[in-house]
Amino acid sequence: MKRAAFYVRVSTVEQHPESQLRELREYAQRRGLNVAQEHEYVDHGFGGSKARRPALDRMLEDARRRCFDVLVVWSCDRLARSTKHFFQCLEELDCCNVQFVSLREAFDTSGALGRAFLGIVAVMGEMERALLIERVRSGMARARAEGRQIGRARLDVNREQVVLDRRSGMSLTQVAKKHGISRASVCRLMKEASTTPDAPISAFVGNAQEHASAAGAAQ
């Protein structure tokens, strides 16, 4: 006997999810599906446009843990209103080997038509990702052409002094506060210095010696 789960959603608190649950239970009884009470996921008073809903999140998490084999909904729009979110949910359920059934649309991913539809969903998702990558690359090329900064701005800080302060025994917090940067930036500068440990420090020490010599000559 297959383990099944129900997902039910009503948009307002005045609406009652019981009418949907009744039809879902009748369907499960006819098909011989076993539905535990904890696998009846109900979002009461949540619109379909919201991608994050308490019961929906719990249902998807249980699907990842393989707690059930079939998800049954009264209608596809109970799961999601937007096409993009609906496709995302279907793709995640398919990755978890969970069959999806919608009563009103008579849609079942275990059949040939349902599998074909999932193939279309995968193709559409791949096309959307490719278009997104193309748009990002085009935007970055335009920004470079206009002379704008791409990525993280370079730190306006004396990097050699940061490394020296840290190596002198000052804590991460102390160095960060002294130079007005984050602890993560201090760690990054230390890591960069460790790849070429001699060049930055020796350059700094050389400059310091030159300043000292000049000061002695002036005296």
N, C-alpha and C. Protein backbone atom coordinates (compact mmCIF):
# COMPACT_ATOMS: atom_id res chain seq x y z
N MET A 1 0.85 -1.20 0.00
CA MET A 1 0.00 0.00 0.00
C MET A 1 0.88 1.24 0.00
N LYS A 2 0.61 2.14 -0.95
CA LYS A 2 1.41 3.36 -1.05
C LYS A 2 1.09 4.33 0.08
N ARG A 3 2.14 5.00 0.56
CA ARG A 3 1.95 6.05 1.57
C ARG A 3 1.64 7.36 0.85
N ALA A 4 0.56 8.00 1.23
CA ALA A 4 0.15 9.22 0.56
C ALA A 4 0.10 10.39 1.53
N ALA A 5 0.08 11.59 0.95
CA ALA A 5 -0.06 12.81 1.74
C ALA A 5 -1.02 13.74 1.01
N PHE A 6 -1.71 14.58 1.79
CA PHE A 6 -2.61 15.58 1.22
C PHE A 6 -2.01 16.96 1.45
N TYR A 7 -2.15 17.83 0.47
CA TYR A 7 -1.86 19.24 0.71
C TYR A 7 -3.11 20.04 0.39
N VAL A 8 -3.54 20.83 1.37
CA VAL A 8 -4.77 21.62 1.26
C VAL A 8 -4.46 23.06 1.61
N ARG A 9 -5.04 23.98 0.85
CA ARG A 9 -4.86 25.40 1.15
C ARG A 9 -6.16 26.14 0.92
N VAL A 10 -6.49 27.03 1.88
CA VAL A 10 -7.61 27.96 1.71
C VAL A 10 -7.08 29.36 1.95
N SER A 11 -7.58 30.31 1.16
CA SER A 11 -7.00 31.65 1.16
C SER A 11 -7.38 32.50 2.36
N THR A 12 -8.55 32.28 2.95
CA THR A 12 -9.00 33.10 4.07
C THR A 12 -9.36 32.21 5.25
N VAL A 13 -9.36 32.81 6.43
CA VAL A 13 -9.68 32.03 7.63
C VAL A 13 -11.15 31.68 7.68
N GLU A 14 -12.00 32.39 6.91
CA GLU A 14 -13.42 32.08 6.89
C GLU A 14 -13.72 30.80 6.11
N GLN A 15 -12.82 30.45 5.19
CA GLN A 15 -13.02 29.23 4.40
C GLN A 15 -12.64 28.00 5.21
N HIS A 16 -13.25 26.88 4.88
CA HIS A 16 -13.01 25.65 5.62
C HIS A 16 -12.30 24.63 4.73
N PRO A 17 -11.18 24.10 5.17
CA PRO A 17 -10.45 23.11 4.37
C PRO A 17 -11.10 21.73 4.35
N GLU A 18 -12.11 21.54 5.20
CA GLU A 18 -12.69 20.21 5.34
C GLU A 18 -13.32 19.71 4.05
N SER A 19 -13.89 20.62 3.23
CA SER A 19 -14.52 20.19 1.98
C SER A 19 -13.48 19.57 1.04
N GLN A 20 -12.30 20.16 0.98
CA GLN A 20 -11.22 19.57 0.16
C GLN A 20 -10.75 18.25 0.75
N LEU A 21 -10.58 18.23 2.08
CA LEU A 21 -10.09 17.02 2.73
C LEU A 21 -11.04 15.85 2.54
N ARG A 22 -12.35 16.13 2.54
CA ARG A 22 -13.32 15.05 2.38
C ARG A 22 -13.15 14.36 1.03
N GLU A 23 -13.00 15.16 -0.04
CA GLU A 23 -12.82 14.58 -1.37
C GLU A 23 -11.49 13.84 -1.48
N LEU A 24 -10.47 14.38 -0.86
CA LEU A 24 -9.16 13.73 -0.91
C LEU A 24 -9.18 12.39 -0.17
N ARG A 25 -9.87 12.34 0.96
CA ARG A 25 -9.96 11.09 1.72
C ARG A 25 -10.75 10.04 0.95
N GLU A 26 -11.80 10.47 0.28
CA GLU A 26 -12.59 9.54 -0.54
C GLU A 26 -11.74 8.96 -1.67
N TYR A 27 -10.94 9.83 -2.30
CA TYR A 27 -10.05 9.37 -3.38
C TYR A 27 -9.05 8.36 -2.85
N ALA A 28 -8.43 8.68 -1.69
CA ALA A 28 -7.44 7.77 -1.11
C ALA A 28 -8.06 6.43 -0.77
N GLN A 29 -9.28 6.43 -0.28
CA GLN A 29 -9.96 5.18 0.07
C GLN A 29 -10.22 4.34 -1.18
N ARG A 30 -10.64 4.99 -2.27
CA ARG A 30 -10.91 4.27 -3.51
C ARG A 30 -9.63 3.67 -4.09
N ARG A 31 -8.52 4.38 -3.97
CA ARG A 31 -7.25 3.92 -4.55
C ARG A 31 -6.42 3.07 -3.58
N GLY A 32 -6.90 2.90 -2.37
CA GLY A 32 -6.17 2.09 -1.40
C GLY A 32 -4.89 2.75 -0.91
N LEU A 33 -4.93 4.06 -0.77
CA LEU A 33 -3.76 4.79 -0.29
C LEU A 33 -3.81 4.93 1.22
N ASN A 34 -2.66 4.82 1.85
CA ASN A 34 -2.56 4.96 3.30
C ASN A 34 -2.10 6.37 3.63
N VAL A 35 -2.94 7.13 4.34
CA VAL A 35 -2.62 8.52 4.68
C VAL A 35 -2.62 8.68 6.20
N ALA A 36 -1.44 8.93 6.76
CA ALA A 36 -1.34 9.20 8.19
C ALA A 36 -1.83 10.61 8.47
N GLN A 37 -2.37 10.81 9.67
CA GLN A 37 -2.93 12.11 10.02
C GLN A 37 -1.88 13.22 9.95
N GLU A 38 -0.64 12.89 10.31
CA GLU A 38 0.40 13.92 10.28
C GLU A 38 0.81 14.29 8.86
N HIS A 39 0.32 13.54 7.88
CA HIS A 39 0.62 13.84 6.49
C HIS A 39 -0.54 14.53 5.78
N GLU A 40 -1.43 15.12 6.56
CA GLU A 40 -2.46 16.00 6.01
C GLU A 40 -1.99 17.44 6.27
N TYR A 41 -1.42 18.05 5.26
CA TYR A 41 -0.82 19.38 5.40
C TYR A 41 -1.83 20.44 4.99
N VAL A 42 -2.15 21.32 5.93
CA VAL A 42 -3.20 22.32 5.70
C VAL A 42 -2.66 23.72 5.98
N ASP A 43 -2.71 24.58 4.96
CA ASP A 43 -2.39 26.00 5.13
C ASP A 43 -3.71 26.77 5.16
N HIS A 44 -4.07 27.27 6.33
CA HIS A 44 -5.36 27.93 6.54
C HIS A 44 -5.15 29.44 6.54
N GLY A 45 -5.69 30.13 5.53
CA GLY A 45 -5.58 31.59 5.47
C GLY A 45 -4.32 32.08 4.78
N PHE A 46 -3.83 31.31 3.80
CA PHE A 46 -2.63 31.70 3.05
C PHE A 46 -2.95 31.76 1.57
N GLY A 47 -2.59 32.87 0.93
CA GLY A 47 -2.78 33.02 -0.51
C GLY A 47 -1.79 32.17 -1.29
N GLY A 48 -2.18 31.79 -2.50
CA GLY A 48 -1.32 30.94 -3.32
C GLY A 48 -0.12 31.66 -3.87
N SER A 49 -0.13 33.01 -3.84
CA SER A 49 1.01 33.76 -4.37
C SER A 49 2.22 33.69 -3.45
N LYS A 50 2.01 33.28 -2.18
CA LYS A 50 3.11 33.17 -1.23
C LYS A 50 3.84 31.85 -1.43
N ALA A 51 5.11 31.95 -1.77
CA ALA A 51 5.89 30.74 -2.01
C ALA A 51 6.24 30.01 -0.72
N ARG A 52 6.35 30.76 0.39
CA ARG A 52 6.68 30.16 1.68
C ARG A 52 5.43 30.10 2.55
N ARG A 53 5.00 28.89 2.86
CA ARG A 53 3.86 28.67 3.73
C ARG A 53 4.21 27.56 4.71
N PRO A 54 3.76 27.65 5.96
CA PRO A 54 4.19 26.67 6.97
C PRO A 54 3.94 25.21 6.57
N ALA A 55 2.69 24.89 6.18
CA ALA A 55 2.38 23.50 5.84
C ALA A 55 3.08 23.07 4.56
N LEU A 56 3.17 23.96 3.58
CA LEU A 56 3.87 23.64 2.32
C LEU A 56 5.34 23.34 2.59
N ASP A 57 5.97 24.15 3.43
CA ASP A 57 7.39 23.93 3.75
C ASP A 57 7.58 22.59 4.46
N ARG A 58 6.66 22.26 5.39
CA ARG A 58 6.76 20.98 6.10
C ARG A 58 6.56 19.81 5.13
N MET A 59 5.61 19.97 4.20
CA MET A 59 5.35 18.91 3.23
C MET A 59 6.57 18.64 2.36
N LEU A 60 7.20 19.71 1.85
CA LEU A 60 8.37 19.54 1.00
C LEU A 60 9.54 18.94 1.78
N GLU A 61 9.67 19.34 3.04
CA GLU A 61 10.74 18.78 3.87
C GLU A 61 10.50 17.28 4.10
N ASP A 62 9.25 16.88 4.36
CA ASP A 62 8.94 15.45 4.53
C ASP A 62 9.12 14.68 3.23
N ALA A 63 8.85 15.34 2.10
CA ALA A 63 9.07 14.69 0.80
C ALA A 63 10.55 14.39 0.62
N ARG A 64 11.41 15.32 1.02
CA ARG A 64 12.85 15.09 0.90
C ARG A 64 13.29 13.94 1.80
N ARG A 65 12.59 13.75 2.90
CA ARG A 65 12.92 12.67 3.84
C ARG A 65 12.23 11.35 3.46
N ARG A 66 11.53 11.35 2.31
CA ARG A 66 10.84 10.15 1.79
C ARG A 66 9.79 9.63 2.77
N CYS A 67 9.03 10.56 3.36
CA CYS A 67 8.00 10.16 4.33
C CYS A 67 6.73 9.66 3.63
N PHE A 68 6.55 9.96 2.36
CA PHE A 68 5.38 9.48 1.61
C PHE A 68 5.75 9.32 0.15
N ASP A 69 4.89 8.60 -0.59
CA ASP A 69 5.17 8.26 -1.99
C ASP A 69 4.31 9.04 -2.97
N VAL A 70 3.15 9.52 -2.51
CA VAL A 70 2.20 10.21 -3.38
C VAL A 70 1.70 11.47 -2.68
N LEU A 71 1.66 12.57 -3.42
CA LEU A 71 1.05 13.80 -2.91
C LEU A 71 -0.23 14.05 -3.71
N VAL A 72 -1.34 14.21 -2.99
CA VAL A 72 -2.63 14.43 -3.63
C VAL A 72 -3.15 15.81 -3.24
N VAL A 73 -3.55 16.60 -4.23
CA VAL A 73 -4.16 17.90 -3.98
C VAL A 73 -5.52 17.95 -4.65
N TRP A 74 -6.37 18.85 -4.18
CA TRP A 74 -7.70 18.99 -4.78
C TRP A 74 -7.61 19.68 -6.14
N SER A 75 -6.67 20.65 -6.25
CA SER A 75 -6.49 21.38 -7.49
C SER A 75 -5.05 21.87 -7.55
N CYS A 76 -4.52 22.02 -8.77
CA CYS A 76 -3.13 22.48 -8.93
C CYS A 76 -2.91 23.85 -8.31
N ASP A 77 -3.92 24.72 -8.38
CA ASP A 77 -3.73 26.07 -7.84
C ASP A 77 -3.72 26.09 -6.32
N ARG A 78 -4.06 24.96 -5.68
CA ARG A 78 -3.90 24.88 -4.22
C ARG A 78 -2.42 24.80 -3.86
N LEU A 79 -1.65 24.19 -4.74
CA LEU A 79 -0.21 24.06 -4.49
C LEU A 79 0.51 25.37 -4.77
N ALA A 80 0.19 26.00 -5.91
CA ALA A 80 0.85 27.26 -6.28
C ALA A 80 0.00 27.99 -7.31
N ARG A 81 0.02 29.33 -7.23
CA ARG A 81 -0.71 30.15 -8.19
C ARG A 81 0.14 30.45 -9.43
N SER A 82 1.43 30.77 -9.20
CA SER A 82 2.28 31.14 -10.33
C SER A 82 2.81 29.88 -11.02
N THR A 83 2.96 29.96 -12.32
CA THR A 83 3.48 28.83 -13.09
C THR A 83 4.88 28.46 -12.64
N LYS A 84 5.71 29.48 -12.40
CA LYS A 84 7.09 29.24 -12.00
C LYS A 84 7.16 28.46 -10.69
N HIS A 85 6.40 28.88 -9.69
CA HIS A 85 6.43 28.18 -8.40
C HIS A 85 5.86 26.78 -8.52
N PHE A 86 4.81 26.61 -9.33
CA PHE A 86 4.22 25.29 -9.53
C PHE A 86 5.24 24.34 -10.15
N PHE A 87 5.97 24.82 -11.17
CA PHE A 87 7.00 24.01 -11.81
C PHE A 87 8.10 23.64 -10.82
N GLN A 88 8.48 24.59 -9.97
CA GLN A 88 9.53 24.33 -8.98
C GLN A 88 9.10 23.23 -8.01
N CYS A 89 7.85 23.30 -7.54
CA CYS A 89 7.34 22.28 -6.62
C CYS A 89 7.29 20.91 -7.29
N LEU A 90 6.81 20.88 -8.53
CA LEU A 90 6.73 19.61 -9.27
C LEU A 90 8.12 19.01 -9.46
N GLU A 91 9.08 19.86 -9.81
CA GLU A 91 10.44 19.38 -10.04
C GLU A 91 11.03 18.81 -8.76
N GLU A 92 10.77 19.49 -7.63
CA GLU A 92 11.31 18.99 -6.36
C GLU A 92 10.66 17.68 -5.96
N LEU A 93 9.36 17.57 -6.15
CA LEU A 93 8.67 16.31 -5.84
C LEU A 93 9.19 15.18 -6.71
N ASP A 94 9.43 15.47 -7.99
CA ASP A 94 9.93 14.44 -8.89
C ASP A 94 11.32 13.99 -8.49
N CYS A 95 12.16 14.93 -8.04
CA CYS A 95 13.51 14.58 -7.57
C CYS A 95 13.44 13.67 -6.34
N CYS A 96 12.37 13.80 -5.57
CA CYS A 96 12.20 12.98 -4.37
C CYS A 96 11.43 11.70 -4.66
N ASN A 97 11.16 11.44 -5.96
CA ASN A 97 10.40 10.26 -6.38
C ASN A 97 9.00 10.22 -5.77
N VAL A 98 8.39 11.39 -5.67
CA VAL A 98 7.02 11.50 -5.14
C VAL A 98 6.07 11.76 -6.29
N GLN A 99 5.07 10.90 -6.41
CA GLN A 99 4.05 11.04 -7.45
C GLN A 99 3.11 12.19 -7.09
N PHE A 100 2.69 12.97 -8.08
CA PHE A 100 1.79 14.10 -7.85
C PHE A 100 0.46 13.84 -8.53
N VAL A 101 -0.62 14.06 -7.77
CA VAL A 101 -1.97 13.85 -8.29
C VAL A 101 -2.83 15.06 -7.96
N SER A 102 -3.53 15.58 -8.97
CA SER A 102 -4.50 16.66 -8.76
C SER A 102 -5.87 16.15 -9.20
N LEU A 103 -6.85 16.20 -8.29
CA LEU A 103 -8.16 15.63 -8.58
C LEU A 103 -8.92 16.42 -9.64
N ARG A 104 -9.00 17.73 -9.51
CA ARG A 104 -9.84 18.53 -10.40
C ARG A 104 -9.36 18.46 -11.84
N GLU A 105 -8.04 18.51 -12.03
CA GLU A 105 -7.49 18.46 -13.39
C GLU A 105 -7.25 17.03 -13.88
N ALA A 106 -7.51 16.04 -12.99
CA ALA A 106 -7.26 14.63 -13.33
C ALA A 106 -5.82 14.45 -13.81
N PHE A 107 -4.91 15.08 -13.10
CA PHE A 107 -3.49 15.07 -13.48
C PHE A 107 -2.73 14.13 -12.57
N ASP A 108 -1.94 13.23 -13.19
CA ASP A 108 -1.20 12.23 -12.43
C ASP A 108 0.16 12.05 -13.08
N THR A 109 1.24 12.32 -12.35
CA THR A 109 2.58 12.24 -12.94
C THR A 109 3.06 10.80 -13.12
N SER A 110 2.30 9.82 -12.64
CA SER A 110 2.72 8.43 -12.84
C SER A 110 2.36 7.93 -14.24
N GLY A 111 1.41 8.60 -14.92
CA GLY A 111 1.01 8.18 -16.26
C GLY A 111 1.92 8.75 -17.33
N ALA A 112 1.69 8.28 -18.57
CA ALA A 112 2.52 8.71 -19.70
C ALA A 112 2.39 10.22 -19.94
N LEU A 113 1.17 10.74 -19.86
CA LEU A 113 0.96 12.17 -20.08
C LEU A 113 1.63 12.98 -18.98
N GLY A 114 1.51 12.49 -17.76
CA GLY A 114 2.14 13.19 -16.64
C GLY A 114 3.65 13.22 -16.76
N ARG A 115 4.26 12.09 -17.18
CA ARG A 115 5.70 12.04 -17.35
C ARG A 115 6.14 12.98 -18.47
N ALA A 116 5.33 13.02 -19.55
CA ALA A 116 5.66 13.93 -20.65
C ALA A 116 5.62 15.38 -20.17
N PHE A 117 4.62 15.69 -19.33
CA PHE A 117 4.50 17.04 -18.81
C PHE A 117 5.71 17.40 -17.95
N LEU A 118 6.18 16.43 -17.15
CA LEU A 118 7.36 16.68 -16.33
C LEU A 118 8.59 16.94 -17.21
N GLY A 119 8.65 16.25 -18.35
CA GLY A 119 9.74 16.51 -19.28
C GLY A 119 9.69 17.92 -19.81
N ILE A 120 8.48 18.39 -20.11
CA ILE A 120 8.31 19.77 -20.58
C ILE A 120 8.71 20.75 -19.48
N VAL A 121 8.34 20.44 -18.24
CA VAL A 121 8.71 21.29 -17.10
C VAL A 121 10.24 21.40 -17.00
N ALA A 122 10.94 20.27 -17.16
CA ALA A 122 12.40 20.28 -17.07
C ALA A 122 13.01 21.13 -18.18
N VAL A 123 12.47 21.00 -19.39
CA VAL A 123 12.99 21.77 -20.52
C VAL A 123 12.76 23.26 -20.30
N MET A 124 11.55 23.62 -19.83
CA MET A 124 11.25 25.02 -19.58
C MET A 124 12.16 25.59 -18.50
N GLY A 125 12.42 24.80 -17.46
CA GLY A 125 13.31 25.25 -16.40
C GLY A 125 14.72 25.47 -16.90
N GLU A 126 15.21 24.56 -17.76
CA GLU A 126 16.55 24.70 -18.33
C GLU A 126 16.63 25.94 -19.22
N MET A 127 15.58 26.19 -20.00
CA MET A 127 15.57 27.35 -20.87
C MET A 127 15.56 28.64 -20.05
N GLU A 128 14.80 28.64 -18.94
CA GLU A 128 14.75 29.82 -18.08
C GLU A 128 16.12 30.10 -17.46
N ARG A 129 16.82 29.05 -17.04
CA ARG A 129 18.16 29.23 -16.46
C ARG A 129 19.14 29.77 -17.50
N ALA A 130 19.04 29.24 -18.75
CA ALA A 130 19.93 29.70 -19.81
C ALA A 130 19.69 31.17 -20.14
N LEU A 131 18.41 31.57 -20.18
CA LEU A 131 18.08 32.97 -20.46
C LEU A 131 18.57 33.88 -19.35
N LEU A 132 18.47 33.41 -18.10
CA LEU A 132 18.94 34.20 -16.97
C LEU A 132 20.45 34.41 -17.04
N ILE A 133 21.20 33.34 -17.35
CA ILE A 133 22.66 33.46 -17.48
C ILE A 133 23.02 34.43 -18.58
N GLU A 134 22.29 34.35 -19.70
CA GLU A 134 22.56 35.24 -20.83
C GLU A 134 22.30 36.70 -20.46
N ARG A 135 21.22 36.94 -19.70
CA ARG A 135 20.91 38.32 -19.29
C ARG A 135 21.98 38.85 -18.33
N VAL A 136 22.44 38.00 -17.42
CA VAL A 136 23.47 38.42 -16.46
C VAL A 136 24.77 38.77 -17.18
N ARG A 137 25.17 37.92 -18.11
CA ARG A 137 26.41 38.17 -18.85
C ARG A 137 26.30 39.45 -19.68
N SER A 138 25.14 39.65 -20.29
CA SER A 138 24.94 40.86 -21.09
C SER A 138 25.01 42.11 -20.22
N GLY A 139 24.40 42.04 -19.02
CA GLY A 139 24.44 43.18 -18.10
C GLY A 139 25.85 43.48 -17.62
N MET A 140 26.64 42.42 -17.35
CA MET A 140 28.02 42.63 -16.90
C MET A 140 28.87 43.24 -18.01
N ALA A 141 28.65 42.78 -19.25
CA ALA A 141 29.42 43.34 -20.37
C ALA A 141 29.09 44.81 -20.56
N ARG A 142 27.82 45.17 -20.42
CA ARG A 142 27.42 46.57 -20.56
C ARG A 142 28.03 47.42 -19.45
N ALA A 143 28.05 46.88 -18.22
CA ALA A 143 28.62 47.61 -17.08
C ALA A 143 30.12 47.85 -17.29
N ARG A 144 30.82 46.84 -17.79
CA ARG A 144 32.26 47.01 -18.05
C ARG A 144 32.49 48.07 -19.11
N ALA A 145 31.66 48.03 -20.16
CA ALA A 145 31.80 49.02 -21.23
C ALA A 145 31.58 50.44 -20.73
N GLU A 146 30.74 50.57 -19.70
CA GLU A 146 30.46 51.89 -19.13
C GLU A 146 31.45 52.26 -18.04
N GLY A 147 32.42 51.37 -17.77
CA GLY A 147 33.45 51.66 -16.78
C GLY A 147 33.00 51.48 -15.34
N ARG A 148 31.92 50.75 -15.13
CA ARG A 148 31.43 50.54 -13.77
C ARG A 148 32.14 49.35 -13.12
N GLN A 149 32.18 49.37 -11.76
CA GLN A 149 32.81 48.32 -10.98
C GLN A 149 31.99 47.05 -11.05
N ILE A 150 32.65 45.92 -11.35
CA ILE A 150 31.99 44.62 -11.36
C ILE A 150 32.46 43.85 -10.13
N GLY A 151 31.51 43.37 -9.35
CA GLY A 151 31.86 42.60 -8.17
C GLY A 151 32.19 43.48 -6.98
N ARG A 152 32.88 42.89 -6.01
CA ARG A 152 33.19 43.59 -4.76
C ARG A 152 34.20 44.72 -5.00
N ALA A 153 33.92 45.88 -4.41
CA ALA A 153 34.84 47.01 -4.54
C ALA A 153 36.12 46.73 -3.74
N ARG A 154 37.25 47.22 -4.26
CA ARG A 154 38.53 47.00 -3.59
C ARG A 154 38.58 47.77 -2.27
N LEU A 155 39.11 47.12 -1.24
CA LEU A 155 39.20 47.74 0.07
C LEU A 155 40.16 48.92 0.06
N ASP A 156 39.70 50.05 0.58
CA ASP A 156 40.56 51.24 0.70
C ASP A 156 41.23 51.20 2.06
N VAL A 157 42.27 50.39 2.17
CA VAL A 157 42.93 50.18 3.46
C VAL A 157 44.39 49.84 3.20
N ASN A 158 45.22 50.14 4.17
CA ASN A 158 46.64 49.79 4.09
C ASN A 158 46.78 48.30 4.39
N ARG A 159 46.87 47.52 3.34
CA ARG A 159 46.86 46.07 3.49
C ARG A 159 48.08 45.56 4.26
N GLU A 160 49.25 46.14 3.97
CA GLU A 160 50.46 45.68 4.65
C GLU A 160 50.37 45.94 6.15
N GLN A 161 49.78 47.08 6.53
CA GLN A 161 49.67 47.40 7.96
C GLN A 161 48.69 46.46 8.65
N VAL A 162 47.64 46.08 7.94
CA VAL A 162 46.69 45.12 8.50
C VAL A 162 47.39 43.81 8.82
N VAL A 163 48.19 43.33 7.86
CA VAL A 163 48.91 42.07 8.05
C VAL A 163 49.92 42.19 9.20
N LEU A 164 50.65 43.31 9.24
CA LEU A 164 51.62 43.50 10.32
C LEU A 164 50.95 43.56 11.68
N ASP A 165 49.83 44.26 11.78
CA ASP A 165 49.11 44.36 13.06
C ASP A 165 48.65 42.99 13.52
N ARG A 166 48.13 42.21 12.58
CA ARG A 166 47.64 40.88 12.94
C ARG A 166 48.78 39.97 13.38
N ARG A 167 49.91 40.06 12.66
CA ARG A 167 51.06 39.22 13.01
C ARG A 167 51.77 39.69 14.27
N SER A 168 51.51 40.93 14.67
CA SER A 168 52.13 41.43 15.91
C SER A 168 51.42 40.90 17.14
N GLY A 169 50.28 40.24 16.96
CA GLY A 169 49.57 39.66 18.10
C GLY A 169 48.22 40.27 18.37
N MET A 170 47.84 41.29 17.61
CA MET A 170 46.52 41.89 17.80
C MET A 170 45.44 40.90 17.37
N SER A 171 44.31 40.93 18.07
CA SER A 171 43.21 40.02 17.73
C SER A 171 42.51 40.47 16.45
N LEU A 172 41.70 39.56 15.88
CA LEU A 172 40.94 39.90 14.68
C LEU A 172 40.06 41.13 14.91
N THR A 173 39.39 41.14 16.07
CA THR A 173 38.49 42.24 16.38
C THR A 173 39.25 43.56 16.51
N GLN A 174 40.40 43.52 17.17
CA GLN A 174 41.19 44.73 17.35
C GLN A 174 41.67 45.29 16.00
N VAL A 175 42.16 44.40 15.13
CA VAL A 175 42.64 44.84 13.81
C VAL A 175 41.49 45.40 12.99
N ALA A 176 40.35 44.71 13.04
CA ALA A 176 39.20 45.16 12.26
C ALA A 176 38.73 46.54 12.71
N LYS A 177 38.67 46.75 14.03
CA LYS A 177 38.24 48.05 14.54
C LYS A 177 39.24 49.15 14.20
N LYS A 178 40.53 48.83 14.28
CA LYS A 178 41.56 49.83 14.00
C LYS A 178 41.48 50.34 12.56
N HIS A 179 41.21 49.45 11.63
CA HIS A 179 41.23 49.82 10.21
C HIS A 179 39.83 50.03 9.63
N GLY A 180 38.80 49.84 10.47
CA GLY A 180 37.44 50.09 10.00
C GLY A 180 36.96 49.10 8.95
N ILE A 181 37.36 47.82 9.10
CA ILE A 181 36.92 46.78 8.17
C ILE A 181 36.34 45.62 8.98
N SER A 182 35.80 44.65 8.28
CA SER A 182 35.19 43.51 8.97
C SER A 182 36.27 42.47 9.32
N ARG A 183 35.92 41.60 10.27
CA ARG A 183 36.82 40.50 10.64
C ARG A 183 37.08 39.59 9.44
N ALA A 184 36.03 39.39 8.62
CA ALA A 184 36.19 38.55 7.43
C ALA A 184 37.20 39.15 6.46
N SER A 185 37.20 40.49 6.35
CA SER A 185 38.17 41.15 5.46
C SER A 185 39.60 40.97 5.99
N VAL A 186 39.75 41.02 7.30
CA VAL A 186 41.07 40.80 7.89
C VAL A 186 41.56 39.39 7.55
N CYS A 187 40.67 38.41 7.71
CA CYS A 187 41.03 37.03 7.40
C CYS A 187 41.40 36.87 5.92
N ARG A 188 40.66 37.55 5.06
CA ARG A 188 40.94 37.45 3.62
C ARG A 188 42.29 38.07 3.28
N LEU A 189 42.60 39.22 3.89
CA LEU A 189 43.89 39.86 3.63
C LEU A 189 45.04 39.00 4.17
N MET A 190 44.83 38.35 5.31
CA MET A 190 45.86 37.46 5.85
C MET A 190 46.08 36.27 4.94
N LYS A 191 44.99 35.76 4.38
CA LYS A 191 45.10 34.61 3.46
C LYS A 191 45.83 35.01 2.19
N GLU A 192 45.51 36.21 1.68
CA GLU A 192 46.21 36.69 0.48
C GLU A 192 47.70 36.88 0.76
N ALA A 193 48.02 37.40 1.95
CA ALA A 193 49.42 37.64 2.30
C ALA A 193 50.18 36.33 2.46
N SER A 194 49.48 35.27 2.91
CA SER A 194 50.16 33.99 3.12
C SER A 194 50.58 33.34 1.81
N THR A 195 49.90 33.68 0.72
CA THR A 195 50.28 33.12 -0.59
C THR A 195 51.56 33.75 -1.11
N THR A 196 51.78 35.04 -0.76
CA THR A 196 53.03 35.75 -1.11
C THR A 196 53.54 36.44 0.15
N PRO A 197 54.04 35.65 1.09
CA PRO A 197 54.33 36.19 2.43
C PRO A 197 55.42 37.24 2.48
N ASP A 198 56.37 37.21 1.54
CA ASP A 198 57.51 38.09 1.66
C ASP A 198 57.31 39.45 1.00
N ALA A 199 56.65 39.45 -0.16
CA ALA A 199 56.59 40.67 -0.96
C ALA A 199 55.91 41.83 -0.26
N PRO A 200 54.69 41.68 0.24
CA PRO A 200 54.03 42.85 0.85
C PRO A 200 54.75 43.36 2.09
N ILE A 201 55.16 42.41 2.94
CA ILE A 201 55.76 42.82 4.21
C ILE A 201 57.13 43.44 3.98
N SER A 202 57.92 42.81 3.09
CA SER A 202 59.25 43.35 2.85
C SER A 202 59.16 44.74 2.23
N ALA A 203 58.17 44.93 1.37
CA ALA A 203 57.99 46.25 0.76
C ALA A 203 57.65 47.27 1.83
N PHE A 204 56.80 46.86 2.77
CA PHE A 204 56.40 47.78 3.84
C PHE A 204 57.59 48.12 4.74
N VAL A 205 58.38 47.06 5.07
CA VAL A 205 59.54 47.27 5.94
C VAL A 205 60.55 48.15 5.24
N GLY A 206 60.73 47.92 3.91
CA GLY A 206 61.67 48.74 3.16
C GLY A 206 61.27 50.19 3.17
N ASN A 207 59.97 50.46 3.01
CA ASN A 207 59.48 51.84 3.06
C ASN A 207 59.73 52.46 4.43
N ALA A 208 59.52 51.67 5.47
CA ALA A 208 59.71 52.17 6.83
C ALA A 208 61.18 52.53 7.06
N GLN A 209 62.09 51.65 6.52
CA GLN A 209 63.51 51.92 6.68
C GLN A 209 63.92 53.19 5.94
N GLU A 210 63.36 53.39 4.76
CA GLU A 210 63.66 54.59 3.99
C GLU A 210 63.23 55.84 4.74
N HIS A 211 61.99 55.77 5.34
CA HIS A 211 61.50 56.90 6.12
C HIS A 211 62.41 57.18 7.31
N ALA A 212 62.90 56.11 7.96
CA ALA A 212 63.76 56.27 9.13
C ALA A 212 65.09 56.90 8.72
N SER A 213 65.64 56.44 7.59
CA SER A 213 66.90 57.00 7.10
C SER A 213 66.76 58.47 6.77
N ALA A 214 65.64 58.80 6.13
CA ALA A 214 65.41 60.20 5.78
C ALA A 214 65.28 61.07 7.00
N ALA A 215 64.62 60.52 8.01
CA ALA A 215 64.45 61.29 9.25
C ALA A 215 65.80 61.50 9.93
N GLY A 216 66.70 60.47 9.90
CA GLY A 216 68.00 60.60 10.51
C GLY A 216 68.86 61.61 9.79
N ALA A 217 68.76 61.63 8.46
CA ALA A 217 69.53 62.57 7.66
C ALA A 217 69.08 63.99 7.93
N ALA A 218 67.79 64.16 8.12
CA ALA A 218 67.25 65.51 8.39
C ALA A 218 67.76 66.05 9.70
N GLN A 219 67.98 65.13 10.68
CA GLN A 219 68.46 65.59 11.97
C GLN A 219 69.95 65.96 11.90
